[in-house]
Amino acid sequence: MAEFEVTTPAARYPVVVERGAISRIPEFVPESCGKLFVVSTGDVWKLHGERVSDALGGGGFDVLFLPGGEENKRFAPVEELAERLVELGADRSSLIVAFGGGIVTDMAGFLAAIFMRGIPVIQIPTTLLAQVDAGVGGKTGVNLAIGKNLIGSFHQPLAVLVDPEVLPSLPEREYRAGLYEIIKAGVIAEERLFDFLVENRERVLARDQAAVEHIIAESVRLKCEVVSADEHEKGLRRILNFGHTFGHALEAETRYSRFLHGEAVAWGMRAATHLALMLGILARVPGEQILGAISSYGPIPMMAGINAKALAARMLNDKKTIQKRVHFVLPVRIGAVQVHADIPEMMVRNAMERAIDETRSAEFDEVSA
């Protein structure tokens, strides 16, 4: 068991990493809580809903379902659930339990943030990516067709319960998508975590229990420390966006239908690494190590029909772009990154072209586009 704490001006809450953590839901439900609602997807509930039901004594709550898939991460389903909450008698004393992957943690968290101007939420992420990233930190929101997560708010939960027992049912592709976010954590601030991923690749891919719980705990610890230091992404928290400026553009360009979020981030980390190499802020050897680690945990979908010019245009609509200045998180060594802006567009496009060319190689062919 590992337990961490997020402490911000807005909230203070635990993040529990523990096998069987789902059974501890009642510990974090306030005595003053009124109606309780679980927000999930049909597939997650079918697989693991009984764990939640058992934890809550078999009843006393309503289950609301969101559609799965990044392409459905839009405002309309949130509005529909808000209407349903009213029909079921929800009020300001109600509580939402977000039970699912990153789409659910974002959308259910956003629903909690805006329903009656804010009600509490407990986050129970069920995918590896959500456990190490999306479920922690209070970022909530939905996509617009033109860009990723352009509608949202910060809404910190009462608690985050990370239960590794749900991971064996995770499809291989979803599992690897989460591993890319852990690679990200290693590159931006945790050299020892990066080395562990490189040295224990076979154990990690085989889902060795001890190895998986170690990389989850280390990633969650880092996320908690960063969020505690910078809740609203004014400074330090920006490092968590390594690979995301490129990755979000890729997701929007493909209408959120080809890449899982972690896969888009993996490609984005490749592009960011190439850009750092081109700028001369990253030495060749660590650059090759970063690119090699990403490849070793592949494959990702092919980039057929995607061009750098279109992606560069998409970046102007990214929420991290300020006054038309695109900001990039770039590695300077393994364990450290810097934020750079005002990079010539042609250099950015060249970095993306290199990353696109790499994903046309045979090693990435195993995943269908």
Protein backbone atom coordinates (compact mmCIF):
# COMPACT_ATOMS: atom_id res chain seq x y z
CA MET A 1 0.00 0.00 0.00
CA ALA A 2 1.10 3.55 -0.74
CA GLU A 3 -0.79 6.67 0.24
CA PHE A 4 0.02 10.18 -0.90
CA GLU A 5 -1.58 13.56 -0.34
CA VAL A 6 -2.45 16.45 -2.58
CA THR A 7 -2.47 19.75 -0.74
CA THR A 8 -3.56 22.88 -2.59
CA PRO A 9 -5.16 26.18 -1.56
CA ALA A 10 -8.48 24.69 -2.67
CA ALA A 11 -8.32 21.21 -1.16
CA ARG A 12 -6.44 18.54 0.72
CA TYR A 13 -7.10 14.91 -0.10
CA PRO A 14 -5.54 11.43 -0.11
CA VAL A 15 -4.52 9.39 -3.14
CA VAL A 16 -4.52 5.73 -2.13
CA VAL A 17 -2.63 3.17 -4.21
CA GLU A 18 -3.65 -0.21 -2.84
CA ARG A 19 -4.97 -3.54 -4.03
CA GLY A 20 -8.61 -3.63 -2.98
CA ALA A 21 -8.80 0.15 -2.56
CA ILE A 22 -12.30 0.16 -4.08
CA SER A 23 -13.60 -1.48 -0.91
CA ARG A 24 -12.61 1.64 1.03
CA ILE A 25 -15.09 3.98 -0.68
CA PRO A 26 -17.26 4.42 2.46
CA GLU A 27 -14.28 5.83 4.37
CA PHE A 28 -14.29 8.88 2.12
CA VAL A 29 -18.04 9.53 1.88
CA PRO A 30 -18.92 12.40 4.25
CA GLU A 31 -21.58 11.80 6.88
CA SER A 32 -23.43 14.80 5.48
CA CYS A 33 -23.65 13.19 2.04
CA GLY A 34 -27.11 13.04 0.52
CA LYS A 35 -27.79 11.04 -2.60
CA LEU A 36 -24.83 9.14 -4.06
CA PHE A 37 -24.33 8.63 -7.78
CA VAL A 38 -21.79 6.43 -9.56
CA VAL A 39 -20.83 7.59 -13.07
CA SER A 40 -19.26 4.91 -15.24
CA THR A 41 -19.40 3.30 -18.68
CA GLY A 42 -21.30 0.13 -19.47
CA ASP A 43 -18.23 -1.98 -20.11
CA VAL A 44 -16.42 -0.90 -16.94
CA TRP A 45 -19.52 -1.45 -14.83
CA LYS A 46 -20.03 -4.91 -16.29
CA LEU A 47 -16.47 -5.88 -15.43
CA HIS A 48 -16.04 -4.25 -12.03
CA GLY A 49 -19.32 -2.74 -10.90
CA GLU A 50 -19.85 -5.48 -8.35
CA ARG A 51 -16.76 -4.25 -6.47
CA VAL A 52 -18.35 -0.81 -6.06
CA SER A 53 -21.73 -2.26 -5.18
CA ASP A 54 -20.20 -4.51 -2.52
CA ALA A 55 -18.25 -1.59 -1.06
CA LEU A 56 -21.44 0.44 -0.76
CA GLY A 57 -23.43 -2.34 0.81
CA GLY A 58 -25.22 -3.47 -2.32
CA GLY A 59 -27.42 -0.39 -2.77
CA GLY A 60 -28.21 3.16 -1.76
CA PHE A 61 -26.87 4.70 -4.97
CA ASP A 62 -27.77 5.25 -8.62
CA VAL A 63 -25.55 4.38 -11.57
CA LEU A 64 -25.36 6.74 -14.53
CA PHE A 65 -23.59 5.80 -17.74
CA LEU A 66 -21.45 7.81 -20.12
CA PRO A 67 -20.68 6.65 -23.67
CA GLY A 68 -17.14 5.35 -24.11
CA GLY A 69 -14.59 6.62 -26.60
CA GLU A 70 -12.65 9.87 -26.91
CA GLU A 71 -14.92 10.95 -29.76
CA ASN A 72 -17.81 11.03 -27.23
CA LYS A 73 -15.96 13.20 -24.74
CA ARG A 74 -18.20 16.16 -25.52
CA PHE A 75 -20.51 18.45 -23.58
CA ALA A 76 -23.80 16.85 -24.70
CA PRO A 77 -23.46 13.66 -22.60
CA VAL A 78 -22.57 15.77 -19.56
CA GLU A 79 -25.70 17.85 -20.04
CA GLU A 80 -27.78 14.69 -20.36
CA LEU A 81 -26.41 13.34 -17.07
CA ALA A 82 -27.04 16.67 -15.36
CA GLU A 83 -30.70 16.45 -16.43
CA ARG A 84 -30.82 12.91 -15.10
CA LEU A 85 -29.37 14.00 -11.77
CA VAL A 86 -32.19 16.50 -11.38
CA GLU A 87 -34.76 13.85 -12.24
CA LEU A 88 -33.29 11.55 -9.57
CA GLY A 89 -33.43 14.22 -6.88
CA ALA A 90 -29.79 15.27 -6.68
CA ASP A 91 -29.00 18.43 -4.77
CA ARG A 92 -25.97 20.23 -3.32
CA SER A 93 -25.49 17.48 -0.73
CA SER A 94 -25.12 14.80 -3.40
CA LEU A 95 -21.86 13.10 -4.27
CA ILE A 96 -20.52 11.61 -7.50
CA VAL A 97 -18.19 8.61 -7.68
CA ALA A 98 -16.33 8.67 -10.99
CA PHE A 99 -15.58 5.05 -11.86
CA GLY A 100 -13.78 4.47 -15.13
CA GLY A 101 -10.92 5.50 -17.37
CA GLY A 102 -9.63 8.95 -18.17
CA ILE A 103 -12.70 9.94 -20.16
CA VAL A 104 -14.93 9.13 -17.18
CA THR A 105 -12.67 10.83 -14.64
CA ASP A 106 -12.61 13.97 -16.79
CA MET A 107 -16.30 14.02 -17.68
CA ALA A 108 -17.73 12.93 -14.34
CA GLY A 109 -15.38 15.33 -12.59
CA PHE A 110 -16.59 18.11 -14.87
CA LEU A 111 -20.20 17.17 -14.15
CA ALA A 112 -19.48 17.41 -10.42
CA ALA A 113 -17.74 20.76 -10.93
CA ILE A 114 -20.67 22.42 -12.68
CA PHE A 115 -23.76 20.71 -11.21
CA MET A 116 -25.40 23.24 -8.88
CA ARG A 117 -22.08 25.14 -9.05
CA GLY A 118 -20.16 22.21 -7.63
CA ILE A 119 -20.73 18.99 -5.70
CA PRO A 120 -18.11 16.57 -4.31
CA VAL A 121 -16.55 13.80 -6.35
CA ILE A 122 -14.49 10.71 -5.49
CA GLN A 123 -12.27 9.52 -8.32
CA ILE A 124 -11.74 5.79 -8.89
CA PRO A 125 -9.68 5.47 -12.10
CA THR A 126 -9.80 2.02 -13.71
CA THR A 127 -7.26 2.29 -16.55
CA LEU A 128 -3.53 2.55 -16.05
CA LEU A 129 -3.43 5.94 -17.76
CA ALA A 130 -6.17 7.32 -15.54
CA GLN A 131 -4.56 5.88 -12.41
CA VAL A 132 -1.21 7.58 -13.00
CA ASP A 133 -2.45 10.78 -14.62
CA ALA A 134 -6.05 11.72 -15.45
CA GLY A 135 -7.62 10.67 -12.15
CA VAL A 136 -5.24 12.74 -10.01
CA GLY A 137 -5.01 16.50 -9.90
CA GLY A 138 -8.52 17.88 -10.36
CA LYS A 139 -8.42 18.61 -14.10
CA THR A 140 -11.85 18.01 -15.61
CA GLY A 141 -13.35 18.76 -18.98
CA VAL A 142 -14.54 17.79 -22.43
CA ASN A 143 -13.32 18.24 -25.99
CA LEU A 144 -14.42 20.48 -28.80
CA ALA A 145 -14.11 19.29 -32.38
CA ILE A 146 -11.42 21.89 -32.88
CA GLY A 147 -9.30 21.00 -29.85
CA LYS A 148 -8.73 18.83 -26.80
CA ASN A 149 -10.15 19.68 -23.35
CA LEU A 150 -11.08 23.23 -24.33
CA ILE A 151 -14.08 23.25 -21.97
CA GLY A 152 -13.38 22.34 -18.36
CA SER A 153 -12.46 23.39 -14.87
CA PHE A 154 -10.26 22.48 -11.93
CA HIS A 155 -12.30 20.53 -9.38
CA GLN A 156 -10.33 18.63 -6.77
CA PRO A 157 -11.87 15.36 -5.50
CA LEU A 158 -12.47 14.22 -1.94
CA ALA A 159 -10.14 11.28 -2.58
CA VAL A 160 -8.60 9.20 -5.36
CA LEU A 161 -8.64 5.42 -4.99
CA VAL A 162 -6.18 3.61 -7.27
CA ASP A 163 -6.85 -0.12 -7.23
CA PRO A 164 -4.39 -2.22 -9.29
CA GLU A 165 -6.73 -5.22 -9.01
CA VAL A 166 -8.79 -3.90 -11.93
CA LEU A 167 -5.86 -3.81 -14.36
CA PRO A 168 -5.71 -7.49 -15.47
CA SER A 169 -8.90 -6.96 -17.48
CA LEU A 170 -7.39 -3.99 -19.33
CA PRO A 171 -6.80 -4.69 -23.05
CA GLU A 172 -3.15 -4.77 -24.07
CA ARG A 173 -3.42 -1.63 -26.14
CA GLU A 174 -5.00 0.32 -23.26
CA TYR A 175 -2.33 -0.97 -20.90
CA ARG A 176 0.51 0.20 -23.14
CA ALA A 177 -1.17 3.57 -23.56
CA GLY A 178 -0.89 4.02 -19.81
CA LEU A 179 2.76 2.99 -19.83
CA TYR A 180 3.57 5.91 -22.13
CA GLU A 181 2.34 8.30 -19.45
CA ILE A 182 4.65 6.60 -16.98
CA ILE A 183 7.56 7.00 -19.40
CA LYS A 184 6.58 10.67 -19.49
CA ALA A 185 6.87 10.88 -15.72
CA GLY A 186 10.34 9.36 -15.88
CA VAL A 187 11.57 11.76 -18.55
CA ILE A 188 10.27 14.92 -16.92
CA ALA A 189 11.39 14.37 -13.35
CA GLU A 190 12.19 10.79 -12.32
CA GLU A 191 15.36 9.35 -13.83
CA ARG A 192 15.20 6.29 -11.56
CA LEU A 193 11.69 5.52 -12.77
CA PHE A 194 12.86 5.86 -16.38
CA ASP A 195 15.76 3.48 -15.71
CA PHE A 196 13.41 1.00 -14.04
CA LEU A 197 11.16 0.99 -17.10
CA VAL A 198 14.11 0.37 -19.40
CA GLU A 199 15.69 -2.32 -17.24
CA ASN A 200 12.43 -4.12 -16.38
CA ARG A 201 10.59 -3.92 -19.69
CA GLU A 202 9.68 -7.61 -19.79
CA ARG A 203 8.33 -7.59 -16.24
CA VAL A 204 6.29 -4.46 -16.89
CA LEU A 205 4.83 -5.75 -20.16
CA ALA A 206 4.04 -9.07 -18.49
CA ARG A 207 2.15 -7.07 -15.82
CA ASP A 208 4.29 -8.41 -13.01
CA GLN A 209 2.40 -7.32 -9.90
CA ALA A 210 5.33 -5.87 -7.98
CA ALA A 211 6.71 -4.03 -11.01
CA VAL A 212 3.35 -2.54 -11.97
CA GLU A 213 2.54 -1.38 -8.47
CA HIS A 214 5.98 0.21 -8.19
CA ILE A 215 5.66 2.27 -11.38
CA ILE A 216 2.11 3.30 -10.49
CA ALA A 217 3.16 4.47 -7.02
CA GLU A 218 6.15 6.40 -8.33
CA SER A 219 4.09 8.12 -11.01
CA VAL A 220 1.30 8.98 -8.58
CA ARG A 221 3.79 10.34 -6.05
CA LEU A 222 5.24 12.67 -8.67
CA LYS A 223 1.81 13.81 -9.83
CA CYS A 224 0.75 14.59 -6.25
CA GLU A 225 3.91 16.59 -5.61
CA VAL A 226 3.54 18.61 -8.80
CA VAL A 227 -0.18 19.35 -8.29
CA SER A 228 0.44 20.35 -4.67
CA ALA A 229 3.07 22.84 -5.82
CA ASP A 230 1.05 24.24 -8.74
CA GLU A 231 -2.67 23.47 -8.76
CA HIS A 232 -3.66 25.61 -11.73
CA GLU A 233 -0.71 25.00 -14.07
CA LYS A 234 0.88 28.43 -13.75
CA GLY A 235 4.41 27.07 -13.46
CA LEU A 236 5.74 23.66 -12.42
CA ARG A 237 2.63 21.71 -13.45
CA ARG A 238 3.32 22.60 -17.07
CA ILE A 239 6.04 19.92 -17.13
CA LEU A 240 3.28 17.29 -17.11
CA ASN A 241 2.44 18.41 -20.65
CA PHE A 242 5.54 16.79 -22.17
CA GLY A 243 4.33 15.30 -25.45
CA HIS A 244 0.85 16.78 -25.06
CA THR A 245 1.11 19.85 -27.31
CA PHE A 246 1.95 17.60 -30.23
CA GLY A 247 -0.30 14.78 -29.02
CA HIS A 248 -3.43 16.91 -28.61
CA ALA A 249 -3.00 18.26 -32.14
CA LEU A 250 -2.77 14.69 -33.42
CA GLU A 251 -5.92 13.65 -31.59
CA ALA A 252 -7.90 16.62 -32.91
CA GLU A 253 -6.61 16.15 -36.47
CA THR A 254 -7.78 12.51 -36.45
CA ARG A 255 -11.12 13.41 -34.83
CA TYR A 256 -10.26 11.49 -31.67
CA SER A 257 -10.94 8.22 -33.50
CA ARG A 258 -7.55 6.71 -34.34
CA PHE A 259 -5.29 7.13 -31.33
CA LEU A 260 -5.74 6.43 -27.66
CA HIS A 261 -4.63 9.43 -25.62
CA GLY A 262 -1.50 7.69 -24.39
CA GLU A 263 -0.56 6.72 -27.95
CA ALA A 264 -0.90 10.33 -29.10
CA VAL A 265 1.26 11.43 -26.19
CA ALA A 266 3.86 8.79 -27.10
CA TRP A 267 4.08 10.20 -30.61
CA GLY A 268 4.15 13.70 -29.15
CA MET A 269 7.08 12.78 -26.91
CA ARG A 270 8.94 11.55 -29.98
CA ALA A 271 8.32 14.86 -31.77
CA ALA A 272 9.29 16.87 -28.68
CA THR A 273 12.50 14.86 -28.30
CA HIS A 274 13.43 15.47 -31.93
CA LEU A 275 12.73 19.18 -31.46
CA ALA A 276 14.98 19.28 -28.39
CA LEU A 277 17.73 17.54 -30.34
CA MET A 278 17.38 20.01 -33.20
CA LEU A 279 17.56 22.97 -30.80
CA GLY A 280 20.70 21.54 -29.21
CA ILE A 281 19.28 21.51 -25.69
CA LEU A 282 19.31 17.70 -25.50
CA ALA A 283 22.40 15.58 -26.12
CA ARG A 284 22.30 12.74 -28.63
CA VAL A 285 22.70 9.85 -26.16
CA PRO A 286 19.82 10.70 -23.80
CA GLY A 287 17.74 11.61 -26.86
CA GLU A 288 18.30 8.16 -28.30
CA GLN A 289 17.50 6.63 -24.91
CA ILE A 290 14.16 8.44 -24.75
CA LEU A 291 13.23 7.49 -28.31
CA GLY A 292 14.34 3.91 -27.66
CA ALA A 293 12.23 3.61 -24.52
CA ILE A 294 9.13 4.84 -26.35
CA SER A 295 9.73 2.37 -29.19
CA SER A 296 10.32 -0.51 -26.79
CA TYR A 297 6.84 -0.07 -25.31
CA GLY A 298 5.17 0.26 -28.73
CA PRO A 299 3.51 -0.16 -31.08
CA ILE A 300 1.35 2.87 -31.81
CA PRO A 301 -0.97 3.34 -34.80
CA MET A 302 0.45 4.34 -38.16
CA MET A 303 0.42 7.97 -39.29
CA ALA A 304 -1.07 7.43 -42.75
CA GLY A 305 -2.67 10.57 -44.18
CA ILE A 306 -1.29 12.90 -41.50
CA ASN A 307 0.99 15.80 -42.34
CA ALA A 308 3.00 18.19 -40.20
CA LYS A 309 1.50 21.36 -41.70
CA ALA A 310 -2.02 20.40 -40.58
CA LEU A 311 -0.79 19.48 -37.11
CA ALA A 312 1.04 22.80 -36.77
CA ALA A 313 -2.21 24.64 -37.54
CA ARG A 314 -4.02 22.60 -34.89
CA MET A 315 -1.52 23.69 -32.24
CA LEU A 316 -2.80 27.26 -32.41
CA ASN A 317 -6.05 26.02 -30.82
CA ASP A 318 -4.35 24.17 -27.97
CA LYS A 319 -5.26 25.46 -24.53
CA LYS A 320 -1.55 25.83 -23.73
CA THR A 321 -1.14 28.33 -26.58
CA ILE A 322 -1.15 31.87 -25.17
CA GLN A 323 -1.51 34.91 -27.43
CA LYS A 324 -0.69 32.68 -30.41
CA ARG A 325 2.58 31.58 -28.80
CA VAL A 326 2.77 27.78 -28.82
CA HIS A 327 4.54 26.39 -25.75
CA PHE A 328 6.48 23.13 -25.86
CA VAL A 329 7.79 21.04 -22.96
CA LEU A 330 11.16 19.74 -24.14
CA PRO A 331 13.62 17.35 -22.46
CA VAL A 332 17.09 18.65 -21.61
CA ARG A 333 18.15 15.36 -20.02
CA ILE A 334 16.41 12.31 -18.61
CA GLY A 335 14.73 13.64 -15.49
CA ALA A 336 14.49 17.29 -16.52
CA VAL A 337 12.52 19.37 -19.03
CA GLN A 338 12.12 23.02 -19.97
CA VAL A 339 9.25 25.03 -21.47
CA HIS A 340 10.07 26.78 -24.74
CA ALA A 341 8.06 29.11 -26.95
CA ASP A 342 8.70 31.15 -30.13
CA ILE A 343 10.31 28.21 -31.92
CA PRO A 344 10.30 28.69 -35.71
CA GLU A 345 7.37 26.83 -37.26
CA MET A 346 9.58 25.17 -39.86
CA MET A 347 11.72 23.62 -37.12
CA VAL A 348 8.58 22.37 -35.34
CA ARG A 349 7.29 20.89 -38.57
CA ASN A 350 10.64 19.22 -39.26
CA ALA A 351 10.56 17.60 -35.82
CA MET A 352 7.07 16.30 -36.50
CA GLU A 353 8.08 14.99 -39.90
CA ARG A 354 10.83 12.94 -38.28
CA ALA A 355 8.37 11.52 -35.76
CA ILE A 356 5.86 10.78 -38.53
CA ASP A 357 8.50 9.00 -40.58
CA GLU A 358 9.50 6.86 -37.59
CA THR A 359 5.93 5.67 -37.06
CA ARG A 360 5.87 4.45 -40.65
CA SER A 361 8.51 1.88 -39.78
CA ALA A 362 7.70 -1.83 -39.35
CA GLU A 363 7.93 -1.76 -35.57
CA PHE A 364 4.69 0.18 -35.37
CA ASP A 365 2.67 -1.89 -37.83
CA GLU A 366 1.01 -4.14 -35.24
CA VAL A 367 -1.71 -1.63 -34.34
CA SER A 368 -4.36 -0.98 -36.95
CA ALA A 369 -5.08 2.62 -37.82
